[in-house]
């Protein structure tokens, strides 16, 4: 599943991991840095025991989001 925003995008894997890419000027990629990653997806650092189940956003969106939950 993919979600795109104005300056970043998210991909959700079938195992609940998130990967993001984009400008990252405000740390929006979730990897703990502000390093540009426009060409290379980086894994989003979720807390231990958590996984994502959905992502959302849209063309020109200022924000993209992921729904995360604790593994049961």
Protein backbone atom coordinates (compact mmCIF):
# COMPACT_ATOMS: atom_id res chain seq x y z
CA UNK A 1 0.00 0.00 0.00
CA UNK A 2 1.32 3.48 -0.88
CA UNK A 3 0.54 7.03 0.26
CA UNK A 4 1.97 10.19 -1.26
CA UNK A 5 2.21 13.73 -0.02
CA UNK A 6 3.69 17.00 -1.25
CA UNK A 7 7.27 16.20 -0.20
CA UNK A 8 7.25 12.62 1.09
CA UNK A 9 5.71 9.20 0.51
CA UNK A 10 5.04 6.05 2.57
CA UNK A 11 4.95 2.38 1.61
CA UNK A 12 3.42 -0.30 3.84
CA UNK A 13 4.73 -3.85 3.48
CA UNK A 14 2.67 -7.01 3.96
CA UNK A 15 4.54 -7.57 7.25
CA UNK A 16 3.49 -4.19 8.70
CA UNK A 17 6.78 -2.37 8.15
CA UNK A 18 6.84 1.18 6.81
CA UNK A 19 9.29 2.69 4.34
CA UNK A 20 9.39 6.38 3.50
CA UNK A 21 11.21 8.62 1.06
CA UNK A 22 11.26 12.32 0.25
CA UNK A 23 12.90 15.60 1.24
CA UNK A 24 12.87 14.97 5.03
CA UNK A 25 13.59 18.64 5.83
CA UNK A 26 11.46 18.41 8.99
CA UNK A 27 12.19 14.78 9.89
CA UNK A 28 8.92 13.62 8.34
CA UNK A 29 10.39 10.32 7.11
CA UNK A 30 10.45 8.87 10.62
CA UNK A 31 14.03 7.59 10.56
CA UNK A 32 15.31 9.99 13.22
CA UNK A 33 17.20 12.22 10.76
CA UNK A 34 16.64 15.20 8.48
CA UNK A 35 18.70 13.66 5.68
CA UNK A 36 17.17 13.90 2.19
CA UNK A 37 16.11 10.50 0.91
CA UNK A 38 14.29 11.40 -2.28
CA UNK A 39 15.70 8.45 -4.24
CA UNK A 40 16.04 5.74 -1.57
CA UNK A 41 13.30 4.51 0.78
CA UNK A 42 14.27 4.30 4.46
CA UNK A 43 12.62 2.14 7.09
CA UNK A 44 10.46 4.06 9.56
CA UNK A 45 11.50 3.45 13.17
CA UNK A 46 8.37 2.12 14.91
CA UNK A 47 8.47 1.28 18.62
CA UNK A 48 9.25 -2.34 19.43
CA UNK A 49 6.14 -4.51 19.23
CA UNK A 50 4.22 -2.12 16.95
CA UNK A 51 3.27 -2.51 13.28
CA UNK A 52 1.37 -0.50 10.71
CA UNK A 53 -1.93 -1.53 9.16
CA UNK A 54 -2.76 1.38 6.82
CA UNK A 55 -1.30 4.53 5.24
CA UNK A 56 -3.03 7.57 3.78
CA UNK A 57 -2.43 10.89 2.08
CA UNK A 58 -3.08 12.47 -1.29
CA UNK A 59 -1.70 14.63 -4.08
CA UNK A 60 -0.35 17.86 -2.65
CA UNK A 61 -1.15 16.75 0.91
CA UNK A 62 0.93 18.51 3.52
CA UNK A 63 0.89 15.38 5.67
CA UNK A 64 0.76 11.64 5.19
CA UNK A 65 -0.10 9.21 7.95
CA UNK A 66 0.12 5.62 9.06
CA UNK A 67 -2.18 3.76 11.42
CA UNK A 68 -0.10 1.69 13.83
CA UNK A 69 -1.02 -0.73 16.60
CA UNK A 70 0.60 -3.12 19.05
CA UNK A 71 1.07 -6.65 17.77
CA UNK A 72 -1.29 -9.03 19.50
